[in-house]
C-alpha atoms as a PDB file:
ATOM      1  CA  MET A   1       0.045  -0.049  -0.013  1.00  0.00           C
ATOM      2  CA  THR A   2       1.290   3.388  -0.896  1.00  0.00           C
ATOM      3  CA  ASN A   3       0.906   6.588   1.007  1.00  0.00           C
ATOM      4  CA  THR A   4      -1.965   7.616  -1.191  1.00  0.00           C
ATOM      5  CA  GLU A   5      -4.008   4.504  -0.611  1.00  0.00           C
ATOM      6  CA  VAL A   6      -6.570   3.822   2.055  1.00  0.00           C
ATOM      7  CA  SER A   7      -6.486   0.316   3.573  1.00  0.00           C
ATOM      8  CA  ALA A   8      -9.165  -2.155   2.725  1.00  0.00           C
ATOM      9  CA  ALA A   9     -10.038  -2.409   6.511  1.00  0.00           C
ATOM     10  CA  GLU A  10     -10.610   1.302   6.474  1.00  0.00           C
ATOM     11  CA  MET A  11     -12.752   1.181   3.392  1.00  0.00           C
ATOM     12  CA  ARG A  12     -14.910  -1.464   5.132  1.00  0.00           C
ATOM     13  CA  LEU A  13     -15.859   1.342   7.660  1.00  0.00           C
ATOM     14  CA  VAL A  14     -17.700   3.202   4.848  1.00  0.00           C
ATOM     15  CA  GLY A  15     -21.381   3.158   5.721  1.00  0.00           C
ATOM     16  CA  SER A  16     -20.823   2.787   9.423  1.00  0.00           C
ATOM     17  CA  ILE A  17     -20.890   5.165  12.416  1.00  0.00           C
ATOM     18  CA  VAL A  18     -17.478   6.189  13.539  1.00  0.00           C
ATOM     19  CA  GLU A  19     -16.240   8.439  16.436  1.00  0.00           C
ATOM     20  CA  GLY A  20     -13.443  10.890  16.482  1.00  0.00           C
ATOM     21  CA  GLU A  21     -12.271  14.148  17.856  1.00  0.00           C
ATOM     22  CA  ALA A  22     -12.759  17.613  16.036  1.00  0.00           C
ATOM     23  CA  THR A  23      -9.305  18.966  15.484  1.00  0.00           C
ATOM     24  CA  ALA A  24     -10.291  22.056  13.425  1.00  0.00           C
ATOM     25  CA  VAL A  25     -13.449  24.069  12.869  1.00  0.00           C
ATOM     26  CA  PHE A  26     -13.705  26.267   9.649  1.00  0.00           C
ATOM     27  CA  ARG A  27     -16.573  27.924   7.825  1.00  0.00           C
ATOM     28  CA  TRP A  28     -16.336  25.261   5.215  1.00  0.00           C
ATOM     29  CA  GLY A  29     -16.582  22.332   7.725  1.00  0.00           C
ATOM     30  CA  VAL A  30     -15.173  20.405  10.667  1.00  0.00           C
ATOM     31  CA  ILE A  31     -11.926  18.234  10.400  1.00  0.00           C
ATOM     32  CA  VAL A  32     -12.200  15.192  12.615  1.00  0.00           C
ATOM     33  CA  ASP A  33      -9.381  12.791  13.692  1.00  0.00           C
ATOM     34  CA  LEU A  34     -10.766   9.355  13.355  1.00  0.00           C
ATOM     35  CA  GLY A  35      -7.664   7.558  14.279  1.00  0.00           C
ATOM     36  CA  LEU A  36      -7.304   6.298  10.758  1.00  0.00           C
ATOM     37  CA  SER A  37      -4.738   6.944   8.049  1.00  0.00           C
ATOM     38  CA  ARG A  38      -6.766  10.034   6.948  1.00  0.00           C
ATOM     39  CA  ASP A  39      -8.913  12.695   8.603  1.00  0.00           C
ATOM     40  CA  GLY A  40     -12.578  12.942   8.274  1.00  0.00           C
ATOM     41  CA  LEU A  41     -14.460  16.037   7.002  1.00  0.00           C
ATOM     42  CA  ILE A  42     -17.945  17.147   8.074  1.00  0.00           C
ATOM     43  CA  ASP A  43     -18.857  19.416   5.199  1.00  0.00           C
ATOM     44  CA  VAL A  44     -20.635  22.732   5.910  1.00  0.00           C
ATOM     45  CA  LEU A  45     -23.663  21.352   3.997  1.00  0.00           C
ATOM     46  CA  TYR A  46     -24.264  19.073   7.014  1.00  0.00           C
ATOM     47  CA  ILE A  47     -23.884  21.753   9.688  1.00  0.00           C
ATOM     48  CA  ASP A  48     -26.926  23.435  10.966  1.00  0.00           C
ATOM     49  CA  ASP A  49     -27.000  26.995  12.188  1.00  0.00           C
ATOM     50  CA  ASP A  50     -27.442  25.918  15.742  1.00  0.00           C
ATOM     51  CA  ASP A  51     -24.633  23.363  15.657  1.00  0.00           C
ATOM     52  CA  ASN A  52     -21.709  24.414  17.787  1.00  0.00           C
ATOM     53  CA  TYR A  53     -18.615  22.318  17.028  1.00  0.00           C
ATOM     54  CA  GLN A  54     -15.503  23.089  19.032  1.00  0.00           C
ATOM     55  CA  VAL A  55     -11.939  21.761  18.827  1.00  0.00           C
ATOM     56  CA  GLY A  56     -11.668  18.846  21.215  1.00  0.00           C
ATOM     57  CA  ASP A  57     -15.296  17.760  20.890  1.00  0.00           C
ATOM     58  CA  ARG A  58     -15.953  14.037  20.595  1.00  0.00           C
ATOM     59  CA  VAL A  59     -18.289  13.505  17.577  1.00  0.00           C
ATOM     60  CA  SER A  60     -20.144  10.482  16.187  1.00  0.00           C
ATOM     61  CA  CYS A  61     -20.601  10.598  12.398  1.00  0.00           C
ATOM     62  CA  TYR A  62     -21.802   8.275   9.545  1.00  0.00           C
ATOM     63  CA  LEU A  63     -18.896   7.652   7.416  1.00  0.00           C
ATOM     64  CA  ASP A  64     -20.323   8.391   3.862  1.00  0.00           C
ATOM     65  CA  CYS A  65     -17.149   7.711   1.635  1.00  0.00           C
ATOM     66  CA  PHE A  66     -13.588   8.470   0.869  1.00  0.00           C
ATOM     67  CA  ASP A  67     -12.973  11.440  -1.307  1.00  0.00           C
ATOM     68  CA  GLU A  68      -9.706  11.034  -3.215  1.00  0.00           C
ATOM     69  CA  MET A  69      -9.693  14.619  -4.406  1.00  0.00           C
ATOM     70  CA  LYS A  70      -9.841  15.915  -0.802  1.00  0.00           C
ATOM     71  CA  ASN A  71      -7.920  12.953   0.522  1.00  0.00           C
ATOM     72  CA  LYS A  72     -10.379  12.658   3.363  1.00  0.00           C
ATOM     73  CA  PHE A  73     -13.171  10.629   4.734  1.00  0.00           C
ATOM     74  CA  ILE A  74     -16.479  12.434   4.094  1.00  0.00           C
ATOM     75  CA  LEU A  75     -18.684  12.249   7.189  1.00  0.00           C
ATOM     76  CA  ARG A  76     -22.168  13.544   8.167  1.00  0.00           C
ATOM     77  CA  PRO A  77     -24.079  13.681  11.384  1.00  0.00           C
ATOM     78  CA  PRO A  78     -26.158  10.352  12.012  1.00  0.00           C
ATOM     79  CA  GLY A  79     -29.422  12.231  11.669  1.00  0.00           C
ATOM     80  CA  GLN A  80     -28.533  14.040   8.461  1.00  0.00           C
ATOM     81  CA  VAL A  81     -29.921  12.860   5.051  1.00  0.00           C
ATOM     82  CA  PRO A  82     -27.025  12.285   2.461  1.00  0.00           C
ATOM     83  CA  LEU A  83     -26.559  15.338   0.136  1.00  0.00           C
ATOM     84  CA  ALA A  84     -27.693  13.530  -3.027  1.00  0.00           C
ATOM     85  CA  GLU A  85     -30.903  12.697  -1.318  1.00  0.00           C
ATOM     86  CA  ARG A  86     -31.450  16.266  -0.041  1.00  0.00           C
ATOM     87  CA  LEU A  87     -30.873  17.545  -3.692  1.00  0.00           C
ATOM     88  CA  ARG A  88     -33.343  14.833  -5.031  1.00  0.00           C
ATOM     89  CA  ARG A  89     -36.086  15.948  -2.439  1.00  0.00           C
ATOM     90  CA  ALA A  90     -35.537  19.635  -3.227  1.00  0.00           C
ATOM     91  CA  GLN A  91     -35.838  18.871  -6.947  1.00  0.00           C
ATOM     92  CA  GLU A  92     -39.033  17.111  -6.280  1.00  0.00           C
ATOM     93  CA  ARG A  93     -40.472  20.024  -4.233  1.00  0.00           C
ATOM     94  CA  ARG A  94     -39.619  22.333  -7.223  1.00  0.00           C
ATOM     95  CA  ASP A  95     -41.276  19.957  -9.677  1.00  0.00           C
ATOM     96  CA  LEU A  96     -44.427  19.822  -7.609  1.00  0.00           C
ATOM     97  CA  SER A  97     -44.645  23.573  -7.408  1.00  0.00           C
ATOM     98  CA  SER A  98     -44.407  24.214 -11.033  1.00  0.00           C
END
């Protein structure tokens, strides 16, 4: 395995709930140390206005996928609907209103 590859064991975690520590909080998301070879990212699209992430917080998240371009695991809070589903629902609402 090279430095750019993610292990098969880590890839088997995709689709599961993982826990980690918030190591950085930005306008564009939260970086989470999962104890894996790569950090995780909670994208700002999954952060609600009333969420208050702080560095050092323990967070549980659903591991959606590994993004090779960002070189990070993509995370979302367990109660959040995946982005593709949110977009599909929004399109359905637009279609119904027209």
